[in-house]
Amino acid sequence: MAQNHSIAHFSVWNPKPGQADAFEAGYKQHLLWHKANNDTWNWYGWYIISGTRTGQFIDVTVNHTWDDFNHSVNPAGDGADNQLHTEPFADYLRAFKVSLTPFSDAADKRLLAAKMLRMLTIDVSDINRGAKLIEKAIADFRTTASSNFIVYRVVDGGNVMQFIILVPLNSIADMEKTTTFPASLSDSANIITGITSETLLFKPAMSINVN
């Protein structure tokens, strides 16, 4: 899968107190740097609007091979522009990479550019058995309701015993149809050790190459 454009890179920012507007303006300015440097990578941006991380900003670039990260656009210039436009206004908390699972829906703009995403972080004690449980839970859910599921496995920069599920939503009202999904992950072997749910609000103006 890794050689088949399955790798995504996540970054998490936390705007400094009173600096949220300045961070957003600076981040938009940084995207102009990417455009001016003819960056062809997609960059999706969201604010977390529920949970303990409310207010933090996540960006992601998807559908890469590992080798792509040896050829990012002008890394030194990218870092310098970030230092000028974003880092004064937000703390860069972490970066991590994930791999799309074989049973995931495609990580494409039709789903990732939805108005909102429900993000479920699933902790497991066994990666292979956990993947099978998640795959079965999705299949079972789809027998009674229609929804898309983008499913990643964390492979670097974080807890590698973890899956991240992104569920596109058109509105908060759509959340209702997915609230029963985590319950379907219950198991008797203690393979699922934790589930965290957060809501992400898509920011088209803080995204590029996604249309």
C-alpha atoms as a PDB file:
ATOM      1  CA  MET A   1       0.000   0.000   0.000  1.00  0.00           C
ATOM      2  CA  ALA A   2       2.802   2.453   0.854  1.00  0.00           C
ATOM      3  CA  GLN A   3       4.040   2.468  -2.750  1.00  0.00           C
ATOM      4  CA  ASN A   4       0.510   3.013  -4.010  1.00  0.00           C
ATOM      5  CA  HIS A   5       0.054   6.603  -2.853  1.00  0.00           C
ATOM      6  CA  SER A   6      -1.457   5.612   0.486  1.00  0.00           C
ATOM      7  CA  ILE A   7       0.566   7.829   2.854  1.00  0.00           C
ATOM      8  CA  ALA A   8      -0.807  11.032   4.402  1.00  0.00           C
ATOM      9  CA  HIS A   9       1.017  13.594   6.541  1.00  0.00           C
ATOM     10  CA  PHE A  10      -0.827  15.382   9.373  1.00  0.00           C
ATOM     11  CA  SER A  11       0.316  18.519  11.205  1.00  0.00           C
ATOM     12  CA  VAL A  12      -1.322  19.981  14.315  1.00  0.00           C
ATOM     13  CA  TRP A  13      -1.136  23.640  15.342  1.00  0.00           C
ATOM     14  CA  ASN A  14      -2.377  25.365  18.493  1.00  0.00           C
ATOM     15  CA  PRO A  15      -2.947  29.131  18.053  1.00  0.00           C
ATOM     16  CA  LYS A  16      -1.454  31.135  20.901  1.00  0.00           C
ATOM     17  CA  PRO A  17      -3.891  32.944  23.257  1.00  0.00           C
ATOM     18  CA  GLY A  18      -5.423  35.913  21.488  1.00  0.00           C
ATOM     19  CA  GLN A  19      -3.586  35.077  18.248  1.00  0.00           C
ATOM     20  CA  ALA A  20      -6.142  32.897  16.420  1.00  0.00           C
ATOM     21  CA  ASP A  21      -6.962  35.565  13.824  1.00  0.00           C
ATOM     22  CA  ALA A  22      -3.298  36.386  13.268  1.00  0.00           C
ATOM     23  CA  PHE A  23      -2.481  32.703  12.850  1.00  0.00           C
ATOM     24  CA  GLU A  24      -5.247  32.244  10.284  1.00  0.00           C
ATOM     25  CA  ALA A  25      -4.086  35.284   8.330  1.00  0.00           C
ATOM     26  CA  GLY A  26      -0.485  34.092   8.488  1.00  0.00           C
ATOM     27  CA  TYR A  27      -1.390  30.571   7.442  1.00  0.00           C
ATOM     28  CA  LYS A  28      -3.268  31.899   4.415  1.00  0.00           C
ATOM     29  CA  GLN A  29      -0.173  33.964   3.574  1.00  0.00           C
ATOM     30  CA  HIS A  30       1.924  30.801   3.845  1.00  0.00           C
ATOM     31  CA  LEU A  31      -0.357  29.035   1.374  1.00  0.00           C
ATOM     32  CA  LEU A  32       0.403  31.833  -1.072  1.00  0.00           C
ATOM     33  CA  TRP A  33       4.061  30.836  -0.722  1.00  0.00           C
ATOM     34  CA  HIS A  34       3.127  27.273  -1.707  1.00  0.00           C
ATOM     35  CA  LYS A  35       1.232  28.550  -4.737  1.00  0.00           C
ATOM     36  CA  ALA A  36       4.088  30.849  -5.781  1.00  0.00           C
ATOM     37  CA  ASN A  37       6.460  27.882  -5.562  1.00  0.00           C
ATOM     38  CA  ASN A  38       4.190  25.752  -7.770  1.00  0.00           C
ATOM     39  CA  ASP A  39       3.458  23.203  -5.052  1.00  0.00           C
ATOM     40  CA  THR A  40       1.237  20.515  -6.589  1.00  0.00           C
ATOM     41  CA  TRP A  41       0.475  18.721  -3.313  1.00  0.00           C
ATOM     42  CA  ASN A  42      -3.035  18.920  -1.892  1.00  0.00           C
ATOM     43  CA  TRP A  43      -3.375  20.591   1.517  1.00  0.00           C
ATOM     44  CA  TYR A  44      -6.622  20.277   3.500  1.00  0.00           C
ATOM     45  CA  GLY A  45      -7.173  22.387   6.621  1.00  0.00           C
ATOM     46  CA  TRP A  46      -9.621  21.996   9.511  1.00  0.00           C
ATOM     47  CA  TYR A  47     -10.287  23.482  12.916  1.00  0.00           C
ATOM     48  CA  ILE A  48     -11.208  21.076  15.720  1.00  0.00           C
ATOM     49  CA  ILE A  49     -14.579  22.213  17.090  1.00  0.00           C
ATOM     50  CA  SER A  50     -15.306  19.592  19.768  1.00  0.00           C
ATOM     51  CA  GLY A  51     -13.373  17.849  22.512  1.00  0.00           C
ATOM     52  CA  THR A  52     -10.357  18.801  24.592  1.00  0.00           C
ATOM     53  CA  ARG A  53      -8.443  20.004  21.521  1.00  0.00           C
ATOM     54  CA  THR A  54     -11.104  22.520  20.428  1.00  0.00           C
ATOM     55  CA  GLY A  55      -9.482  25.458  18.659  1.00  0.00           C
ATOM     56  CA  GLN A  56      -6.472  23.559  17.363  1.00  0.00           C
ATOM     57  CA  PHE A  57      -5.833  23.482  13.603  1.00  0.00           C
ATOM     58  CA  ILE A  58      -5.018  20.376  11.566  1.00  0.00           C
ATOM     59  CA  ASP A  59      -3.648  20.274   8.050  1.00  0.00           C
ATOM     60  CA  VAL A  60      -3.032  17.182   5.966  1.00  0.00           C
ATOM     61  CA  THR A  61      -1.650  16.267   2.581  1.00  0.00           C
ATOM     62  CA  VAL A  62      -2.845  12.904   1.265  1.00  0.00           C
ATOM     63  CA  ASN A  63      -2.208  10.175  -1.315  1.00  0.00           C
ATOM     64  CA  HIS A  64       1.587  10.150  -1.309  1.00  0.00           C
ATOM     65  CA  THR A  65       4.323   7.537  -1.569  1.00  0.00           C
ATOM     66  CA  TRP A  66       7.070   7.595   1.039  1.00  0.00           C
ATOM     67  CA  ASP A  67       9.487   8.845  -1.603  1.00  0.00           C
ATOM     68  CA  ASP A  68       7.325  11.919  -2.218  1.00  0.00           C
ATOM     69  CA  PHE A  69       8.563  13.306   1.081  1.00  0.00           C
ATOM     70  CA  ASN A  70      12.097  13.352  -0.316  1.00  0.00           C
ATOM     71  CA  HIS A  71      10.882  15.803  -2.941  1.00  0.00           C
ATOM     72  CA  SER A  72       8.742  18.393  -1.164  1.00  0.00           C
ATOM     73  CA  VAL A  73       8.870  21.913  -2.580  1.00  0.00           C
ATOM     74  CA  ASN A  74      11.851  23.959  -1.363  1.00  0.00           C
ATOM     75  CA  PRO A  75      11.988  22.716   2.276  1.00  0.00           C
ATOM     76  CA  ALA A  76      14.321  25.513   3.399  1.00  0.00           C
ATOM     77  CA  GLY A  77      12.085  28.185   1.896  1.00  0.00           C
ATOM     78  CA  ASP A  78       9.014  26.495   3.350  1.00  0.00           C
ATOM     79  CA  GLY A  79      10.538  26.549   6.811  1.00  0.00           C
ATOM     80  CA  ALA A  80      11.611  30.163   6.495  1.00  0.00           C
ATOM     81  CA  ASP A  81       8.160  31.273   5.396  1.00  0.00           C
ATOM     82  CA  ASN A  82       6.532  29.325   8.227  1.00  0.00           C
ATOM     83  CA  GLN A  83       8.897  30.995  10.678  1.00  0.00           C
ATOM     84  CA  LEU A  84       7.770  34.364   9.349  1.00  0.00           C
ATOM     85  CA  HIS A  85       4.009  33.891   8.954  1.00  0.00           C
ATOM     86  CA  THR A  86       2.752  31.086  11.235  1.00  0.00           C
ATOM     87  CA  GLU A  87       5.155  30.239  14.057  1.00  0.00           C
ATOM     88  CA  PRO A  88       4.881  33.653  15.791  1.00  0.00           C
ATOM     89  CA  PHE A  89       1.154  33.053  16.273  1.00  0.00           C
ATOM     90  CA  ALA A  90       0.817  29.315  16.997  1.00  0.00           C
ATOM     91  CA  ASP A  91       2.681  26.416  18.557  1.00  0.00           C
ATOM     92  CA  TYR A  92       3.462  23.587  16.142  1.00  0.00           C
ATOM     93  CA  LEU A  93       2.459  20.617  18.291  1.00  0.00           C
ATOM     94  CA  ARG A  94       3.205  17.526  16.228  1.00  0.00           C
ATOM     95  CA  ALA A  95       3.498  15.920  12.834  1.00  0.00           C
ATOM     96  CA  PHE A  96       2.662  12.313  12.049  1.00  0.00           C
ATOM     97  CA  LYS A  97       2.164  10.024   9.072  1.00  0.00           C
ATOM     98  CA  VAL A  98      -0.575   7.501   8.429  1.00  0.00           C
ATOM     99  CA  SER A  99      -1.247   4.802   5.850  1.00  0.00           C
ATOM    100  CA  LEU A 100      -4.614   4.252   4.168  1.00  0.00           C
ATOM    101  CA  THR A 101      -6.026   0.823   4.979  1.00  0.00           C
ATOM    102  CA  PRO A 102      -7.082  -1.562   2.176  1.00  0.00           C
ATOM    103  CA  PHE A 103     -10.732  -1.430   3.285  1.00  0.00           C
ATOM    104  CA  SER A 104     -10.921   2.394   3.404  1.00  0.00           C
ATOM    105  CA  ASP A 105     -12.917   4.564   1.038  1.00  0.00           C
ATOM    106  CA  ALA A 106     -10.733   6.698  -1.213  1.00  0.00           C
ATOM    107  CA  ALA A 107      -9.138   9.730   0.446  1.00  0.00           C
ATOM    108  CA  ASP A 108     -10.342  12.121  -2.236  1.00  0.00           C
ATOM    109  CA  LYS A 109     -11.635  15.685  -2.335  1.00  0.00           C
ATOM    110  CA  ARG A 110     -15.260  14.496  -2.562  1.00  0.00           C
ATOM    111  CA  LEU A 111     -14.969  13.235   1.009  1.00  0.00           C
ATOM    112  CA  LEU A 112     -12.158  15.295   2.540  1.00  0.00           C
ATOM    113  CA  ALA A 113     -13.680  18.608   1.436  1.00  0.00           C
ATOM    114  CA  ALA A 114     -16.981  17.877   3.172  1.00  0.00           C
ATOM    115  CA  LYS A 115     -18.205  20.693   5.407  1.00  0.00           C
ATOM    116  CA  MET A 116     -17.193  18.695   8.482  1.00  0.00           C
ATOM    117  CA  LEU A 117     -15.491  15.449   9.417  1.00  0.00           C
ATOM    118  CA  ARG A 118     -16.072  13.282  12.418  1.00  0.00           C
ATOM    119  CA  MET A 119     -12.641  12.038  13.474  1.00  0.00           C
ATOM    120  CA  LEU A 120     -12.526   8.846  15.505  1.00  0.00           C
ATOM    121  CA  THR A 121      -9.179   7.853  17.014  1.00  0.00           C
ATOM    122  CA  ILE A 122      -9.184   4.138  17.814  1.00  0.00           C
ATOM    123  CA  ASP A 123      -6.572   2.657  20.171  1.00  0.00           C
ATOM    124  CA  VAL A 124      -5.970  -1.087  19.856  1.00  0.00           C
ATOM    125  CA  SER A 125      -3.920  -3.777  21.567  1.00  0.00           C
ATOM    126  CA  ASP A 126      -3.434  -5.772  18.342  1.00  0.00           C
ATOM    127  CA  ILE A 127      -3.090  -4.037  14.958  1.00  0.00           C
ATOM    128  CA  ASN A 128      -4.208  -6.933  12.742  1.00  0.00           C
ATOM    129  CA  ARG A 129      -7.166  -7.968  14.896  1.00  0.00           C
ATOM    130  CA  GLY A 130      -8.083  -4.319  15.386  1.00  0.00           C
ATOM    131  CA  ALA A 131      -8.148  -3.760  11.614  1.00  0.00           C
ATOM    132  CA  LYS A 132     -10.450  -6.741  11.168  1.00  0.00           C
ATOM    133  CA  LEU A 133     -12.797  -5.463  13.874  1.00  0.00           C
ATOM    134  CA  ILE A 134     -12.963  -2.006  12.289  1.00  0.00           C
ATOM    135  CA  GLU A 135     -13.519  -3.449   8.808  1.00  0.00           C
ATOM    136  CA  LYS A 136     -16.356  -5.642  10.102  1.00  0.00           C
ATOM    137  CA  ALA A 137     -17.915  -2.780  12.078  1.00  0.00           C
ATOM    138  CA  ILE A 138     -17.991  -0.617   8.945  1.00  0.00           C
ATOM    139  CA  ALA A 139     -19.536  -3.420   6.886  1.00  0.00           C
ATOM    140  CA  ASP A 140     -22.159  -4.060   9.574  1.00  0.00           C
ATOM    141  CA  PHE A 141     -22.959  -0.345   9.869  1.00  0.00           C
ATOM    142  CA  ARG A 142     -23.512  -0.082   6.131  1.00  0.00           C
ATOM    143  CA  THR A 143     -26.219  -2.743   6.253  1.00  0.00           C
ATOM    144  CA  THR A 144     -28.507  -0.229   7.973  1.00  0.00           C
ATOM    145  CA  ALA A 145     -27.088   3.218   7.097  1.00  0.00           C
ATOM    146  CA  SER A 146     -25.111   4.883   4.330  1.00  0.00           C
ATOM    147  CA  SER A 147     -21.847   6.606   5.161  1.00  0.00           C
ATOM    148  CA  ASN A 148     -18.267   6.885   3.944  1.00  0.00           C
ATOM    149  CA  PHE A 149     -15.266   5.971   6.079  1.00  0.00           C
ATOM    150  CA  ILE A 150     -11.666   6.987   5.398  1.00  0.00           C
ATOM    151  CA  VAL A 151      -9.554   4.716   7.585  1.00  0.00           C
ATOM    152  CA  TYR A 152      -5.872   5.317   8.317  1.00  0.00           C
ATOM    153  CA  ARG A 153      -3.337   3.459  10.451  1.00  0.00           C
ATOM    154  CA  VAL A 154      -0.729   5.569  12.254  1.00  0.00           C
ATOM    155  CA  VAL A 155       2.739   4.560  11.025  1.00  0.00           C
ATOM    156  CA  ASP A 156       5.108   7.291  12.237  1.00  0.00           C
ATOM    157  CA  GLY A 157       5.206  10.198  14.662  1.00  0.00           C
ATOM    158  CA  GLY A 158       2.591   8.848  17.041  1.00  0.00           C
ATOM    159  CA  ASN A 159       1.036   5.797  18.651  1.00  0.00           C
ATOM    160  CA  VAL A 160       1.410   3.041  16.031  1.00  0.00           C
ATOM    161  CA  MET A 161      -1.278   1.012  17.818  1.00  0.00           C
ATOM    162  CA  GLN A 162      -3.848   3.492  16.580  1.00  0.00           C
ATOM    163  CA  PHE A 163      -6.302   3.956  13.716  1.00  0.00           C
ATOM    164  CA  ILE A 164      -7.861   7.233  12.595  1.00  0.00           C
ATOM    165  CA  ILE A 165     -11.299   7.155  10.960  1.00  0.00           C
ATOM    166  CA  LEU A 166     -12.636  10.210   9.112  1.00  0.00           C
ATOM    167  CA  VAL A 167     -16.396  10.312   8.490  1.00  0.00           C
ATOM    168  CA  PRO A 168     -17.631  13.107   6.155  1.00  0.00           C
ATOM    169  CA  LEU A 169     -20.593  15.169   7.394  1.00  0.00           C
ATOM    170  CA  ASN A 170     -22.649  17.791   5.567  1.00  0.00           C
ATOM    171  CA  SER A 171     -23.923  19.258   8.831  1.00  0.00           C
ATOM    172  CA  ILE A 172     -23.989  18.632  12.577  1.00  0.00           C
ATOM    173  CA  ALA A 173     -27.350  16.930  12.007  1.00  0.00           C
ATOM    174  CA  ASP A 174     -25.514  14.214  10.053  1.00  0.00           C
ATOM    175  CA  MET A 175     -23.717  13.318  13.265  1.00  0.00           C
ATOM    176  CA  GLU A 176     -26.850  11.541  14.475  1.00  0.00           C
ATOM    177  CA  LYS A 177     -26.579   8.717  11.972  1.00  0.00           C
ATOM    178  CA  THR A 178     -22.987   7.925  12.986  1.00  0.00           C
ATOM    179  CA  THR A 179     -23.327   8.064  16.778  1.00  0.00           C
ATOM    180  CA  THR A 180     -24.063   4.334  16.955  1.00  0.00           C
ATOM    181  CA  PHE A 181     -20.936   3.378  15.017  1.00  0.00           C
ATOM    182  CA  PRO A 182     -18.422   3.310  17.910  1.00  0.00           C
ATOM    183  CA  ALA A 183     -20.715   0.969  19.848  1.00  0.00           C
ATOM    184  CA  SER A 184     -20.358  -1.557  17.040  1.00  0.00           C
ATOM    185  CA  LEU A 185     -16.627  -1.718  17.791  1.00  0.00           C
ATOM    186  CA  SER A 186     -17.214  -3.364  21.172  1.00  0.00           C
ATOM    187  CA  ASP A 187     -15.488  -6.727  21.517  1.00  0.00           C
ATOM    188  CA  SER A 188     -14.922  -9.367  24.162  1.00  0.00           C
ATOM    189  CA  ALA A 189     -11.153  -9.673  23.717  1.00  0.00           C
ATOM    190  CA  ASN A 190     -10.228  -6.130  24.777  1.00  0.00           C
ATOM    191  CA  ILE A 191      -8.692  -5.408  21.372  1.00  0.00           C
ATOM    192  CA  ILE A 192     -10.243  -1.931  21.259  1.00  0.00           C
ATOM    193  CA  THR A 193      -8.702  -0.108  24.217  1.00  0.00           C
ATOM    194  CA  GLY A 194      -9.947   3.438  23.579  1.00  0.00           C
ATOM    195  CA  ILE A 195     -12.092   5.547  21.260  1.00  0.00           C
ATOM    196  CA  THR A 196     -11.944   9.349  20.968  1.00  0.00           C
ATOM    197  CA  SER A 197     -14.419  11.348  18.876  1.00  0.00           C
ATOM    198  CA  GLU A 198     -13.784  14.890  17.616  1.00  0.00           C
ATOM    199  CA  THR A 199     -15.422  17.095  14.975  1.00  0.00           C
ATOM    200  CA  LEU A 200     -13.399  18.955  12.352  1.00  0.00           C
ATOM    201  CA  LEU A 201     -14.667  22.014  10.474  1.00  0.00           C
ATOM    202  CA  PHE A 202     -13.279  22.343   6.933  1.00  0.00           C
ATOM    203  CA  LYS A 203     -11.621  25.648   6.052  1.00  0.00           C
ATOM    204  CA  PRO A 204     -11.570  26.029   2.232  1.00  0.00           C
ATOM    205  CA  ALA A 205      -9.615  29.283   2.514  1.00  0.00           C
ATOM    206  CA  MET A 206      -6.913  27.423   4.459  1.00  0.00           C
ATOM    207  CA  SER A 207      -6.635  24.645   1.858  1.00  0.00           C
ATOM    208  CA  ILE A 208      -5.079  24.460  -1.619  1.00  0.00           C
ATOM    209  CA  ASN A 209      -5.181  22.119  -4.611  1.00  0.00           C
ATOM    210  CA  VAL A 210      -8.359  20.471  -3.298  1.00  0.00           C
ATOM    211  CA  ASN A 211     -10.897  21.694  -5.904  1.00  0.00           C
END
